[in-house]
N, C-alpha and C. Protein backbone atom coordinates (compact mmCIF):
# COMPACT_ATOMS: atom_id res chain seq x y z
N MET A 1 82.30 40.31 173.17
CA MET A 1 83.20 39.23 173.54
C MET A 1 84.52 39.44 172.81
N SER A 2 85.60 39.21 173.52
CA SER A 2 86.93 39.43 172.97
C SER A 2 87.54 38.09 172.56
N TYR A 3 87.52 37.80 171.27
CA TYR A 3 88.08 36.55 170.78
C TYR A 3 89.59 36.48 170.97
N PRO A 4 90.34 37.59 170.79
CA PRO A 4 91.78 37.50 171.08
C PRO A 4 92.06 37.13 172.54
N MET A 5 91.25 37.65 173.46
CA MET A 5 91.45 37.33 174.88
C MET A 5 91.12 35.88 175.17
N ILE A 6 90.11 35.35 174.49
CA ILE A 6 89.79 33.93 174.64
C ILE A 6 90.97 33.09 174.16
N LEU A 7 91.55 33.45 173.02
CA LEU A 7 92.69 32.72 172.48
C LEU A 7 93.89 32.79 173.43
N ILE A 8 94.18 33.97 173.95
CA ILE A 8 95.30 34.13 174.88
C ILE A 8 95.07 33.29 176.13
N THR A 9 93.86 33.32 176.66
CA THR A 9 93.54 32.54 177.85
C THR A 9 93.72 31.05 177.59
N LEU A 10 93.27 30.58 176.43
CA LEU A 10 93.42 29.16 176.10
C LEU A 10 94.89 28.77 175.93
N ILE A 11 95.68 29.65 175.33
CA ILE A 11 97.12 29.37 175.16
C ILE A 11 97.81 29.29 176.52
N VAL A 12 97.51 30.26 177.39
CA VAL A 12 98.11 30.24 178.73
C VAL A 12 97.67 29.00 179.48
N TRP A 13 96.39 28.65 179.38
CA TRP A 13 95.89 27.44 180.04
C TRP A 13 96.64 26.21 179.53
N ALA A 14 96.84 26.12 178.20
CA ALA A 14 97.55 24.97 177.62
C ALA A 14 99.00 24.91 178.12
N LEU A 15 99.66 26.07 178.20
CA LEU A 15 101.02 26.10 178.74
C LEU A 15 101.06 25.65 180.20
N PHE A 16 100.08 26.08 180.96
CA PHE A 16 100.01 25.67 182.36
C PHE A 16 99.74 24.18 182.48
N MET A 17 98.90 23.64 181.63
CA MET A 17 98.64 22.20 181.66
C MET A 17 99.91 21.42 181.31
N TRP A 18 100.66 21.92 180.34
CA TRP A 18 101.93 21.29 179.98
C TRP A 18 102.89 21.33 181.17
N ALA A 19 102.96 22.47 181.86
CA ALA A 19 103.84 22.59 183.03
C ALA A 19 103.40 21.63 184.13
N GLN A 20 102.10 21.49 184.33
CA GLN A 20 101.59 20.54 185.33
C GLN A 20 101.98 19.11 184.97
N PHE A 21 101.82 18.78 183.71
CA PHE A 21 102.16 17.44 183.24
C PHE A 21 103.63 17.14 183.50
N VAL A 22 104.50 18.10 183.16
CA VAL A 22 105.94 17.91 183.34
C VAL A 22 106.29 17.78 184.82
N THR A 23 105.69 18.62 185.68
CA THR A 23 106.02 18.54 187.11
C THR A 23 105.50 17.26 187.74
N ARG A 24 104.41 16.72 187.23
CA ARG A 24 103.89 15.47 187.80
C ARG A 24 104.73 14.26 187.38
N LEU A 25 105.52 14.40 186.34
CA LEU A 25 106.42 13.31 185.94
C LEU A 25 107.60 13.18 186.88
N GLU A 26 107.92 14.26 187.60
CA GLU A 26 109.04 14.21 188.54
C GLU A 26 108.67 13.35 189.75
N PRO A 27 109.64 12.65 190.30
CA PRO A 27 109.35 11.85 191.49
C PRO A 27 109.04 12.76 192.69
N THR A 28 108.19 12.27 193.58
CA THR A 28 107.82 13.02 194.77
C THR A 28 109.04 13.17 195.67
N SER A 29 109.21 14.37 196.22
CA SER A 29 110.34 14.62 197.11
C SER A 29 109.89 15.54 198.24
N ALA A 30 110.84 15.88 199.09
CA ALA A 30 110.53 16.77 200.22
C ALA A 30 110.18 18.17 199.72
N ASN A 31 110.58 18.51 198.52
CA ASN A 31 110.32 19.85 197.97
C ASN A 31 109.06 19.90 197.11
N SER A 32 108.19 18.92 197.21
CA SER A 32 106.98 18.87 196.37
C SER A 32 105.99 19.97 196.70
N GLY A 33 106.16 20.64 197.82
CA GLY A 33 105.25 21.72 198.19
C GLY A 33 105.22 22.84 197.17
N ALA A 34 106.29 23.02 196.44
CA ALA A 34 106.34 24.06 195.41
C ALA A 34 105.34 23.79 194.30
N ASN A 35 105.02 22.51 194.05
CA ASN A 35 104.05 22.18 193.02
C ASN A 35 102.69 22.78 193.34
N PHE A 36 102.29 22.76 194.62
CA PHE A 36 101.02 23.37 195.01
C PHE A 36 101.05 24.87 194.76
N GLY A 37 102.15 25.52 195.09
CA GLY A 37 102.28 26.96 194.86
C GLY A 37 102.19 27.31 193.39
N VAL A 38 102.87 26.54 192.56
CA VAL A 38 102.82 26.76 191.11
C VAL A 38 101.40 26.57 190.59
N THR A 39 100.73 25.53 191.07
CA THR A 39 99.35 25.27 190.66
C THR A 39 98.44 26.42 191.06
N ALA A 40 98.60 26.92 192.27
CA ALA A 40 97.76 28.04 192.73
C ALA A 40 97.98 29.28 191.87
N VAL A 41 99.22 29.59 191.56
CA VAL A 41 99.52 30.75 190.70
C VAL A 41 98.92 30.55 189.32
N MET A 42 99.02 29.34 188.77
CA MET A 42 98.45 29.05 187.46
C MET A 42 96.94 29.27 187.45
N VAL A 43 96.26 28.76 188.45
CA VAL A 43 94.80 28.89 188.52
C VAL A 43 94.41 30.36 188.63
N LEU A 44 95.10 31.11 189.48
CA LEU A 44 94.79 32.54 189.63
C LEU A 44 95.04 33.31 188.34
N ALA A 45 96.12 32.99 187.63
CA ALA A 45 96.42 33.68 186.37
C ALA A 45 95.35 33.40 185.32
N VAL A 46 94.92 32.16 185.20
CA VAL A 46 93.88 31.82 184.22
C VAL A 46 92.57 32.49 184.59
N LEU A 47 92.21 32.51 185.87
CA LEU A 47 90.97 33.19 186.29
C LEU A 47 91.04 34.69 186.01
N ALA A 48 92.18 35.31 186.25
CA ALA A 48 92.33 36.74 185.97
C ALA A 48 92.20 37.01 184.47
N LEU A 49 92.85 36.19 183.65
CA LEU A 49 92.74 36.36 182.20
C LEU A 49 91.31 36.15 181.72
N ALA A 50 90.65 35.14 182.26
CA ALA A 50 89.28 34.83 181.84
C ALA A 50 88.32 35.96 182.19
N SER A 51 88.63 36.74 183.20
CA SER A 51 87.73 37.83 183.58
C SER A 51 87.71 38.95 182.55
N PHE A 52 88.68 38.99 181.64
CA PHE A 52 88.71 40.03 180.62
C PHE A 52 88.15 39.57 179.28
N ILE A 53 87.39 38.48 179.25
CA ILE A 53 86.82 37.98 178.01
C ILE A 53 85.60 38.79 177.59
N THR A 54 84.80 39.23 178.55
CA THR A 54 83.61 40.03 178.23
C THR A 54 83.58 41.29 179.09
N ILE A 55 82.85 42.28 178.58
CA ILE A 55 82.61 43.51 179.33
C ILE A 55 81.11 43.78 179.24
N GLN A 56 80.53 44.14 180.37
CA GLN A 56 79.10 44.46 180.40
C GLN A 56 78.96 45.88 180.95
N VAL A 57 78.31 46.74 180.18
CA VAL A 57 78.07 48.11 180.61
C VAL A 57 76.56 48.30 180.71
N SER A 58 76.10 48.80 181.85
CA SER A 58 74.67 49.03 182.02
C SER A 58 74.44 50.43 182.58
N VAL A 59 73.31 51.00 182.20
CA VAL A 59 72.92 52.32 182.67
C VAL A 59 71.55 52.16 183.33
N ASP A 60 71.46 52.56 184.60
CA ASP A 60 70.17 52.54 185.28
C ASP A 60 69.84 53.97 185.74
N GLU A 61 68.90 54.11 186.65
CA GLU A 61 68.46 55.45 187.04
C GLU A 61 69.50 56.22 187.86
N ARG A 62 70.50 55.53 188.46
CA ARG A 62 71.50 56.22 189.28
C ARG A 62 72.94 56.05 188.81
N PHE A 63 73.24 54.92 188.15
CA PHE A 63 74.63 54.59 187.86
C PHE A 63 74.86 54.14 186.42
N VAL A 64 76.11 54.32 185.98
CA VAL A 64 76.66 53.61 184.83
C VAL A 64 77.58 52.57 185.45
N ARG A 65 77.34 51.30 185.14
CA ARG A 65 78.13 50.22 185.73
C ARG A 65 78.92 49.50 184.64
N VAL A 66 80.19 49.24 184.93
CA VAL A 66 81.07 48.52 184.02
C VAL A 66 81.54 47.28 184.76
N LYS A 67 81.37 46.11 184.13
CA LYS A 67 81.75 44.85 184.76
C LYS A 67 82.49 43.99 183.74
N PHE A 68 83.67 43.53 184.12
CA PHE A 68 84.44 42.62 183.28
C PHE A 68 84.15 41.19 183.69
N GLY A 69 83.90 40.34 182.70
CA GLY A 69 83.72 38.91 182.94
C GLY A 69 82.72 38.61 184.03
N TYR A 70 83.14 37.84 185.01
CA TYR A 70 82.26 37.41 186.09
C TYR A 70 82.25 38.39 187.25
N GLY A 71 82.76 39.60 187.07
CA GLY A 71 82.62 40.66 188.07
C GLY A 71 83.79 40.87 189.00
N LEU A 72 84.92 40.25 188.72
CA LEU A 72 86.10 40.46 189.55
C LEU A 72 86.56 41.91 189.47
N PHE A 73 86.49 42.49 188.28
CA PHE A 73 86.86 43.89 188.07
C PHE A 73 85.60 44.65 187.66
N ARG A 74 85.26 45.68 188.43
CA ARG A 74 84.06 46.46 188.13
C ARG A 74 84.26 47.91 188.54
N LYS A 75 83.44 48.78 187.96
CA LYS A 75 83.47 50.21 188.26
C LYS A 75 82.07 50.75 188.06
N ARG A 76 81.70 51.75 188.87
CA ARG A 76 80.41 52.39 188.66
C ARG A 76 80.59 53.90 188.77
N PHE A 77 79.78 54.60 188.01
CA PHE A 77 79.80 56.06 187.97
C PHE A 77 78.42 56.57 188.34
N LEU A 78 78.35 57.53 189.24
CA LEU A 78 77.08 58.18 189.55
C LEU A 78 76.68 59.05 188.36
N LEU A 79 75.47 58.89 187.87
CA LEU A 79 75.02 59.69 186.73
C LEU A 79 75.03 61.18 187.06
N SER A 80 74.76 61.53 188.30
CA SER A 80 74.75 62.94 188.69
C SER A 80 76.14 63.56 188.65
N GLU A 81 77.20 62.74 188.60
CA GLU A 81 78.57 63.25 188.54
C GLU A 81 79.12 63.31 187.12
N ILE A 82 78.37 62.81 186.14
CA ILE A 82 78.84 62.81 184.75
C ILE A 82 78.48 64.13 184.09
N LYS A 83 79.49 64.80 183.53
CA LYS A 83 79.29 66.07 182.84
C LYS A 83 78.94 65.85 181.38
N SER A 84 79.64 64.92 180.72
CA SER A 84 79.37 64.66 179.31
C SER A 84 79.76 63.24 178.93
N ALA A 85 79.19 62.79 177.82
CA ALA A 85 79.51 61.47 177.25
C ALA A 85 79.49 61.61 175.74
N LYS A 86 80.54 61.12 175.08
CA LYS A 86 80.58 61.19 173.62
C LYS A 86 81.30 59.97 173.06
N VAL A 87 80.93 59.62 171.83
CA VAL A 87 81.55 58.50 171.13
C VAL A 87 82.92 58.94 170.62
N VAL A 88 83.93 58.10 170.84
CA VAL A 88 85.29 58.38 170.36
C VAL A 88 85.87 57.11 169.75
N LYS A 89 86.91 57.28 168.97
CA LYS A 89 87.67 56.14 168.44
C LYS A 89 89.07 56.24 169.04
N SER A 90 89.44 55.24 169.81
CA SER A 90 90.75 55.24 170.47
C SER A 90 91.81 54.75 169.50
N PRO A 91 93.01 55.31 169.55
CA PRO A 91 94.10 54.77 168.75
C PRO A 91 94.46 53.36 169.23
N TRP A 92 95.02 52.55 168.37
CA TRP A 92 95.34 51.17 168.72
C TRP A 92 96.30 51.09 169.90
N TYR A 93 97.20 52.08 170.02
CA TYR A 93 98.22 52.01 171.06
C TYR A 93 97.67 52.33 172.46
N TYR A 94 96.41 52.74 172.57
CA TYR A 94 95.81 52.90 173.90
C TYR A 94 95.60 51.55 174.56
N GLY A 95 95.51 50.50 173.77
CA GLY A 95 95.45 49.14 174.30
C GLY A 95 94.09 48.75 174.85
N TRP A 96 94.08 47.60 175.52
CA TRP A 96 92.86 47.04 176.10
C TRP A 96 93.10 46.71 177.55
N GLY A 97 92.03 46.41 178.26
CA GLY A 97 92.11 46.10 179.68
C GLY A 97 91.70 47.31 180.51
N ILE A 98 92.14 47.32 181.74
CA ILE A 98 91.90 48.44 182.64
C ILE A 98 93.25 49.06 182.93
N HIS A 99 93.42 50.31 182.55
CA HIS A 99 94.68 50.98 182.84
C HIS A 99 94.53 52.49 182.75
N TYR A 100 95.52 53.17 183.31
CA TYR A 100 95.55 54.63 183.30
C TYR A 100 96.47 55.08 182.18
N TRP A 101 95.99 56.00 181.36
CA TRP A 101 96.79 56.55 180.27
C TRP A 101 97.25 57.93 180.69
N LEU A 102 98.55 58.23 180.51
CA LEU A 102 99.11 59.46 181.04
C LEU A 102 98.83 60.71 180.21
N TRP A 103 98.82 60.60 178.87
CA TRP A 103 98.54 61.79 178.09
C TRP A 103 97.69 61.43 176.89
N PRO A 104 96.48 61.90 176.78
CA PRO A 104 95.76 62.69 177.78
C PRO A 104 95.40 61.81 178.97
N GLN A 105 95.34 62.40 180.14
CA GLN A 105 95.10 61.63 181.36
C GLN A 105 93.68 61.08 181.39
N MET A 106 93.59 59.75 181.45
CA MET A 106 92.28 59.10 181.49
C MET A 106 92.44 57.65 181.91
N TRP A 107 91.34 57.08 182.38
CA TRP A 107 91.25 55.65 182.64
C TRP A 107 90.59 55.00 181.45
N ILE A 108 91.08 53.82 181.06
CA ILE A 108 90.53 53.09 179.93
C ILE A 108 90.01 51.74 180.42
N TYR A 109 88.78 51.43 180.03
CA TYR A 109 88.14 50.14 180.33
C TYR A 109 87.70 49.56 178.99
N SER A 110 88.43 48.58 178.47
CA SER A 110 88.11 48.06 177.14
C SER A 110 88.63 46.63 177.01
N ILE A 111 87.95 45.82 176.18
CA ILE A 111 88.45 44.46 175.94
C ILE A 111 88.84 44.21 174.49
N SER A 112 88.26 44.96 173.57
CA SER A 112 88.62 44.79 172.16
C SER A 112 88.08 45.95 171.36
N GLY A 113 88.57 46.09 170.17
CA GLY A 113 88.08 47.16 169.30
C GLY A 113 88.61 48.52 169.71
N LEU A 114 88.26 49.51 168.90
CA LEU A 114 88.75 50.86 169.13
C LEU A 114 87.64 51.83 169.52
N ASP A 115 86.38 51.42 169.34
CA ASP A 115 85.25 52.31 169.65
C ASP A 115 85.02 52.36 171.15
N ALA A 116 84.73 53.58 171.63
CA ALA A 116 84.51 53.76 173.06
C ALA A 116 83.61 54.97 173.29
N VAL A 117 83.10 55.06 174.50
CA VAL A 117 82.38 56.25 174.95
C VAL A 117 83.27 56.93 175.97
N GLU A 118 83.56 58.20 175.73
CA GLU A 118 84.38 58.96 176.66
C GLU A 118 83.48 59.70 177.63
N ILE A 119 83.68 59.44 178.91
CA ILE A 119 82.90 60.08 179.97
C ILE A 119 83.79 61.12 180.65
N VAL A 120 83.28 62.34 180.77
CA VAL A 120 83.98 63.37 181.54
C VAL A 120 83.12 63.65 182.77
N LEU A 121 83.74 63.50 183.93
CA LEU A 121 83.03 63.74 185.18
C LEU A 121 83.10 65.22 185.55
N LYS A 122 82.30 65.63 186.49
CA LYS A 122 82.29 67.04 186.92
C LYS A 122 83.61 67.44 187.56
N ASN A 123 84.36 66.49 188.09
CA ASN A 123 85.68 66.80 188.66
C ASN A 123 86.78 66.75 187.59
N GLU A 124 86.39 66.68 186.31
CA GLU A 124 87.26 66.67 185.13
C GLU A 124 88.00 65.35 184.91
N ALA A 125 87.72 64.32 185.67
CA ALA A 125 88.31 63.00 185.42
C ALA A 125 87.70 62.44 184.13
N VAL A 126 88.52 61.77 183.33
CA VAL A 126 88.08 61.24 182.04
C VAL A 126 88.22 59.72 182.04
N TYR A 127 87.20 59.05 181.51
CA TYR A 127 87.17 57.59 181.40
C TYR A 127 86.73 57.23 179.99
N ARG A 128 87.34 56.20 179.43
CA ARG A 128 86.89 55.64 178.15
C ARG A 128 86.43 54.22 178.39
N ILE A 129 85.20 53.95 177.95
CA ILE A 129 84.61 52.63 178.12
C ILE A 129 84.38 52.03 176.73
N GLY A 130 85.08 50.95 176.43
CA GLY A 130 84.93 50.29 175.14
C GLY A 130 83.62 49.53 175.05
N SER A 131 83.06 49.52 173.84
CA SER A 131 81.80 48.81 173.63
C SER A 131 81.62 48.51 172.15
N ASP A 132 80.85 47.47 171.86
CA ASP A 132 80.48 47.18 170.47
C ASP A 132 79.28 48.02 170.05
N GLU A 133 78.59 48.60 171.01
CA GLU A 133 77.38 49.40 170.73
C GLU A 133 77.53 50.79 171.34
N VAL A 134 78.52 51.53 170.86
CA VAL A 134 78.83 52.83 171.46
C VAL A 134 77.70 53.85 171.29
N GLU A 135 77.01 53.81 170.15
CA GLU A 135 75.93 54.78 169.93
C GLU A 135 74.80 54.58 170.94
N LYS A 136 74.42 53.32 171.16
CA LYS A 136 73.37 53.03 172.15
C LYS A 136 73.81 53.42 173.55
N LEU A 137 75.05 53.14 173.88
CA LEU A 137 75.57 53.48 175.20
C LEU A 137 75.60 54.99 175.41
N GLU A 138 76.07 55.71 174.40
CA GLU A 138 76.10 57.18 174.50
C GLU A 138 74.68 57.73 174.64
N ALA A 139 73.75 57.22 173.86
CA ALA A 139 72.36 57.70 173.92
C ALA A 139 71.76 57.44 175.31
N ALA A 140 72.00 56.27 175.87
CA ALA A 140 71.47 55.95 177.20
C ALA A 140 72.07 56.87 178.26
N MET A 141 73.37 57.13 178.16
CA MET A 141 74.01 58.02 179.13
C MET A 141 73.52 59.45 178.97
N THR A 142 73.44 59.92 177.73
CA THR A 142 73.01 61.30 177.48
C THR A 142 71.59 61.52 177.97
N ARG A 143 70.71 60.55 177.72
CA ARG A 143 69.33 60.64 178.23
C ARG A 143 69.30 60.73 179.74
N SER A 144 70.15 59.97 180.39
CA SER A 144 70.12 59.88 181.85
C SER A 144 70.78 61.06 182.55
N ILE A 145 71.75 61.72 181.89
CA ILE A 145 72.45 62.82 182.57
C ILE A 145 71.83 64.18 182.31
N THR A 146 70.88 64.26 181.37
CA THR A 146 70.27 65.57 181.10
C THR A 146 68.93 65.71 181.78
């Protein structure tokens, strides 16, 4: 669980509630339709932020599955396509979330911390998956791909 992400989500939610309160103080007019649009954007932003509070990584007989929060963002890897998996420590500037890093070229899936398992696929694509239990994750992947 990412406590910084929980804090950020709560702060954004509080700012949105303040904005709602301020807009509701304004008298109703012909342009009130914008209030619905602002509310919709606020709700979508909070839901998107909330989806990055937890990450769940599972290994079964065919796939490694990565799921953020309630499953809005997910990825799966075929075990038969994984060439190697190893524990790595990412530098702080690699950041968190889901994003592509240009050098070295890789996809990063992480919510907090610096520990990750680096997966190299047979097509040479590289992925880093953050976890609090990197040793267990690496062991499960290594068992499944050999």
